[in-house]
């Protein structure tokens, strides 16, 4: 299927590894020119080479050194790239920490990175999309936005906030060809996830396979997949939502969580 992304310009935050890199690669493979951002020039260079080598066609990949978790980093991006057709807000962090050990700084850190980065980028780029009467804004949220995990309540809160933000922004698109949606991945195989699962395990020094199996048995037992999702599986859905072909999907929270959420709404 041709997703009609040739000639479209896409910015993906948190795009040098994991889900973000997979999304950027999928968009580039469909002919979109892509902008990646990161704090490390080494990671930016590696991501740029990976995206270009994964595409059969010559693709335009622009790498911007900017920390999009900060207001200054977002301004750096806006100065370098004034408008885009597609904005994928993927930047985010997570951690397991007891609610009673969480300090104000923990709550604020996750909120600034996971929520404010998307607010700042959408506040600028959405205006141009509405003026041109075309655009796609996608928030990469999480199943944790619906089923708040007790081991990381602060993370779940930020993912719920993304869902509310995306739906609210969608209300501003009435009668236009701009859409705002969320994608909800489940636990996904990405940078650092093996260490995270091993830290959650009850066994001393578990293998990655043992840690993954125990995590789904004890902490995500409702998952139908009973395995980590691959980044490309999230990217495939995101690429379609970024496409002009998805014009009837707006204000939606779309799942790529392996059947973990049992509710049918």
Protein backbone atom coordinates (compact mmCIF):
# COMPACT_ATOMS: atom_id res chain seq x y z
CA UNK A 1 0.00 0.00 0.00
CA UNK A 2 1.27 3.46 -0.92
CA UNK A 3 0.79 5.65 2.16
CA UNK A 4 1.13 8.80 0.01
CA UNK A 5 3.90 10.24 2.18
CA UNK A 6 6.20 11.31 -0.64
CA UNK A 7 6.86 15.03 -0.31
CA UNK A 8 5.71 15.14 3.31
CA UNK A 9 8.02 16.43 6.05
CA UNK A 10 7.98 14.61 9.39
CA UNK A 11 9.54 15.45 12.75
CA UNK A 12 9.85 12.61 15.27
CA UNK A 13 11.02 13.44 18.78
CA UNK A 14 13.00 10.83 20.68
CA UNK A 15 14.05 9.44 17.33
CA UNK A 16 17.58 8.06 17.75
CA UNK A 17 16.59 4.65 19.16
CA UNK A 18 13.71 2.28 19.90
CA UNK A 19 10.18 3.16 18.85
CA UNK A 20 11.17 6.63 17.63
CA UNK A 21 13.86 5.31 15.32
CA UNK A 22 11.48 2.62 14.01
CA UNK A 23 8.79 5.25 13.29
CA UNK A 24 11.26 7.53 11.55
CA UNK A 25 12.54 4.62 9.45
CA UNK A 26 9.00 3.62 8.48
CA UNK A 27 8.11 7.17 7.42
CA UNK A 28 11.32 7.54 5.43
CA UNK A 29 10.73 4.20 3.71
CA UNK A 30 7.39 5.57 2.52
CA UNK A 31 9.12 8.58 0.96
CA UNK A 32 8.76 11.22 3.67
CA UNK A 33 11.65 13.51 4.47
CA UNK A 34 12.38 13.17 8.16
CA UNK A 35 13.88 15.27 10.93
CA UNK A 36 15.49 13.57 13.89
CA UNK A 37 16.64 15.20 17.11
CA UNK A 38 18.88 14.19 19.97
CA UNK A 39 21.42 15.38 22.49
CA UNK A 40 24.23 13.13 21.26
CA UNK A 41 25.86 13.80 17.90
CA UNK A 42 27.13 10.23 17.90
CA UNK A 43 23.60 8.83 18.29
CA UNK A 44 22.25 11.24 15.70
CA UNK A 45 24.88 10.12 13.20
CA UNK A 46 24.14 6.46 13.89
CA UNK A 47 20.38 6.96 13.57
CA UNK A 48 20.78 8.89 10.32
CA UNK A 49 22.90 6.11 8.81
CA UNK A 50 20.44 3.46 10.01
CA UNK A 51 17.46 5.24 8.45
CA UNK A 52 19.21 5.80 5.14
CA UNK A 53 20.49 2.24 4.92
CA UNK A 54 17.02 0.82 5.65
CA UNK A 55 15.38 2.57 2.71
CA UNK A 56 15.46 1.39 -0.89
CA UNK A 57 15.20 5.01 -2.02
CA UNK A 58 17.41 8.00 -1.37
CA UNK A 59 15.80 9.66 1.64
CA UNK A 60 16.26 13.11 3.11
CA UNK A 61 17.23 12.84 6.78
CA UNK A 62 17.96 16.03 8.70
CA UNK A 63 19.60 15.61 12.11
CA UNK A 64 19.27 18.44 14.64
CA UNK A 65 21.26 18.47 17.87
CA UNK A 66 18.64 19.65 20.37
CA UNK A 67 17.24 18.52 23.69
CA UNK A 68 13.49 18.63 23.04
CA UNK A 69 12.81 18.07 26.73
CA UNK A 70 13.72 21.72 27.29
CA UNK A 71 12.19 24.97 26.07
CA UNK A 72 15.60 25.97 24.69
CA UNK A 73 15.89 22.75 22.73
CA UNK A 74 12.45 23.21 21.20
CA UNK A 75 13.40 26.75 20.16
CA UNK A 76 16.55 25.36 18.53
CA UNK A 77 14.39 22.94 16.55
CA UNK A 78 11.88 25.61 15.52
CA UNK A 79 14.70 27.90 14.37
CA UNK A 80 16.09 25.08 12.23
CA UNK A 81 12.77 23.67 10.94
CA UNK A 82 9.93 26.18 10.83
CA UNK A 83 7.15 23.87 9.66
CA UNK A 84 6.34 20.18 9.25
CA UNK A 85 3.46 18.15 7.88
CA UNK A 86 3.76 15.40 10.48
CA UNK A 87 4.72 15.70 14.14
CA UNK A 88 5.24 12.53 16.17
CA UNK A 89 5.68 13.26 19.86
CA UNK A 90 7.60 10.17 20.96
CA UNK A 91 10.09 11.61 23.44
CA UNK A 92 9.64 10.05 26.86
CA UNK A 93 11.25 8.30 29.80
CA UNK A 94 10.06 5.77 32.35
CA UNK A 95 11.21 4.29 35.62
CA UNK A 96 9.92 1.94 38.30
CA UNK A 97 9.72 3.65 41.67
CA UNK A 98 7.49 3.25 44.72
CA UNK A 99 4.86 5.97 45.07
CA UNK A 100 6.05 6.64 48.62
CA UNK A 101 9.61 7.22 47.44
CA UNK A 102 8.65 9.67 44.70
CA UNK A 103 9.76 13.24 45.33
CA UNK A 104 8.34 16.36 43.70
CA UNK A 105 11.36 16.41 41.41
CA UNK A 106 10.49 12.91 40.11
CA UNK A 107 6.98 14.00 39.17
CA UNK A 108 8.17 17.22 37.53
CA UNK A 109 10.98 15.53 35.61
CA UNK A 110 8.67 13.03 33.92
CA UNK A 111 6.00 15.66 33.26
CA UNK A 112 8.43 18.06 31.62
CA UNK A 113 9.92 15.39 29.38
CA UNK A 114 6.86 13.29 28.56
CA UNK A 115 4.21 15.99 28.35
CA UNK A 116 5.67 19.49 28.01
CA UNK A 117 7.92 18.52 25.10
CA UNK A 118 4.84 17.58 23.07
CA UNK A 119 2.93 20.67 24.20
CA UNK A 120 5.73 22.99 23.09
CA UNK A 121 6.19 21.32 19.71
CA UNK A 122 2.46 21.12 18.97
CA UNK A 123 1.93 24.73 20.03
CA UNK A 124 4.23 25.85 17.23
CA UNK A 125 3.76 23.30 14.44
CA UNK A 126 -0.01 22.87 14.70
CA UNK A 127 -0.66 26.51 13.83
CA UNK A 128 1.02 26.08 10.44
CA UNK A 129 -0.83 22.82 9.79
CA UNK A 130 -4.17 24.55 10.33
CA UNK A 131 -3.17 27.44 8.07
CA UNK A 132 -2.14 25.01 5.28
CA UNK A 133 -5.17 22.77 5.98
CA UNK A 134 -3.14 19.60 6.32
CA UNK A 135 -1.23 17.98 9.12
CA UNK A 136 -0.83 15.00 11.40
CA UNK A 137 0.07 15.16 15.09
CA UNK A 138 0.59 11.85 16.86
CA UNK A 139 1.37 11.30 20.53
CA UNK A 140 3.07 8.03 21.40
CA UNK A 141 1.36 7.39 24.70
CA UNK A 142 1.13 3.97 26.39
CA UNK A 143 -1.29 1.40 27.71
CA UNK A 144 -0.13 2.79 31.07
CA UNK A 145 -2.21 5.86 30.26
CA UNK A 146 -5.31 3.71 30.75
CA UNK A 147 -4.09 1.01 33.14
CA UNK A 148 -1.85 2.91 35.54
CA UNK A 149 0.98 0.62 36.69
CA UNK A 150 1.41 0.64 40.48
CA UNK A 151 5.18 0.42 40.13
CA UNK A 152 5.35 3.68 38.17
CA UNK A 153 2.31 5.79 38.88
CA UNK A 154 4.07 9.00 37.87
CA UNK A 155 4.76 7.56 34.41
CA UNK A 156 1.14 6.46 34.01
CA UNK A 157 -0.03 9.95 34.93
CA UNK A 158 2.04 11.53 32.15
CA UNK A 159 0.68 9.05 29.63
CA UNK A 160 -2.90 9.81 30.69
CA UNK A 161 -2.07 13.49 30.27
CA UNK A 162 -0.94 12.83 26.69
CA UNK A 163 -4.27 11.20 25.89
CA UNK A 164 -6.18 14.19 27.24
CA UNK A 165 -3.89 16.61 25.41
CA UNK A 166 -4.27 14.82 22.07
CA UNK A 167 -8.05 14.68 22.35
CA UNK A 168 -8.23 18.35 23.29
CA UNK A 169 -6.04 19.38 20.36
CA UNK A 170 -8.17 17.27 18.03
CA UNK A 171 -11.15 19.42 18.99
CA UNK A 172 -9.30 22.40 17.49
CA UNK A 173 -9.18 20.72 14.06
CA UNK A 174 -12.92 20.64 13.39
CA UNK A 175 -13.67 20.97 9.65
CA UNK A 176 -10.00 20.79 8.59
CA UNK A 177 -7.65 18.18 7.15
CA UNK A 178 -5.54 18.17 10.30
CA UNK A 179 -5.79 15.24 12.70
CA UNK A 180 -4.46 14.58 16.19
CA UNK A 181 -4.32 11.04 17.52
CA UNK A 182 -2.56 8.91 20.11
CA UNK A 183 -0.93 5.52 19.75
CA UNK A 184 -0.78 3.27 22.81
CA UNK A 185 2.07 0.76 22.70
CA UNK A 186 2.40 -1.94 25.31
CA UNK A 187 5.76 -2.99 26.77
CA UNK A 188 8.11 -2.70 23.80
CA UNK A 189 11.59 -4.01 23.11
CA UNK A 190 13.62 -0.83 23.16
CA UNK A 191 16.78 0.65 24.61
CA UNK A 192 17.07 -0.19 28.30
CA UNK A 193 13.99 -2.41 28.51
CA UNK A 194 15.96 -5.59 29.30
CA UNK A 195 17.62 -3.89 32.26
CA UNK A 196 14.22 -2.65 33.38
CA UNK A 197 12.64 -6.10 33.24
CA UNK A 198 15.60 -7.64 35.05
CA UNK A 199 15.30 -5.01 37.77
CA UNK A 200 11.65 -6.02 38.23
CA UNK A 201 12.45 -9.73 38.51
CA UNK A 202 12.26 -11.65 41.78
CA UNK A 203 15.15 -13.85 40.66
CA UNK A 204 18.80 -12.92 41.18
CA UNK A 205 20.58 -12.34 37.88
CA UNK A 206 17.78 -13.57 35.60
CA UNK A 207 18.41 -14.07 31.90
CA UNK A 208 16.59 -11.63 29.60
CA UNK A 209 14.20 -14.43 28.65
CA UNK A 210 13.44 -15.28 32.28
CA UNK A 211 12.90 -11.63 33.16
CA UNK A 212 10.55 -11.13 30.21
CA UNK A 213 8.53 -14.24 31.03
CA UNK A 214 8.16 -13.30 34.71
CA UNK A 215 7.21 -9.72 33.87
CA UNK A 216 4.26 -10.84 31.76
CA UNK A 217 3.22 -13.53 34.21
CA UNK A 218 3.25 -11.23 37.25
CA UNK A 219 2.91 -7.65 36.04
CA UNK A 220 1.15 -7.78 32.64
CA UNK A 221 -0.81 -11.00 32.86
CA UNK A 222 -3.69 -9.65 30.73
CA UNK A 223 -1.43 -9.35 27.67
CA UNK A 224 -2.55 -11.63 24.86
CA UNK A 225 0.85 -11.55 23.18
CA UNK A 226 2.74 -12.44 26.37
CA UNK A 227 5.90 -11.00 24.87
CA UNK A 228 7.57 -7.68 24.24
CA UNK A 229 6.26 -5.81 21.23
CA UNK A 230 8.81 -5.02 18.53
CA UNK A 231 9.32 -1.31 17.71
CA UNK A 232 8.41 -1.87 14.05
CA UNK A 233 4.98 -3.15 15.14
CA UNK A 234 4.25 0.22 16.72
CA UNK A 235 5.84 2.05 13.79
CA UNK A 236 3.59 0.35 11.23
CA UNK A 237 0.44 1.68 12.89
CA UNK A 238 1.97 5.12 13.40
CA UNK A 239 2.98 5.39 9.74
CA UNK A 240 -0.60 4.75 8.66
CA UNK A 241 -1.98 7.34 11.09
CA UNK A 242 0.57 9.82 9.67
CA UNK A 243 -0.71 9.15 6.17
CA UNK A 244 -3.30 11.13 4.19
CA UNK A 245 -5.13 7.78 3.94
CA UNK A 246 -6.06 8.04 7.65
CA UNK A 247 -8.16 11.18 7.19
CA UNK A 248 -11.23 9.75 8.97
CA UNK A 249 -9.29 8.94 12.14
CA UNK A 250 -9.15 11.91 14.47
CA UNK A 251 -9.16 12.31 18.24
CA UNK A 252 -8.59 8.59 18.65
CA UNK A 253 -6.46 6.54 21.04
CA UNK A 254 -5.23 3.63 18.92
CA UNK A 255 -3.81 0.52 20.52
CA UNK A 256 -0.67 -1.40 19.68
CA UNK A 257 -0.45 -2.99 23.14
CA UNK A 258 -0.80 -6.68 22.41
CA UNK A 259 -4.31 -7.03 23.81
CA UNK A 260 -3.25 -6.02 27.29
CA UNK A 261 -6.24 -3.71 27.81
CA UNK A 262 -9.38 -5.78 28.28
CA UNK A 263 -11.95 -2.98 27.95
CA UNK A 264 -13.50 -2.65 24.48
CA UNK A 265 -13.95 1.13 24.42
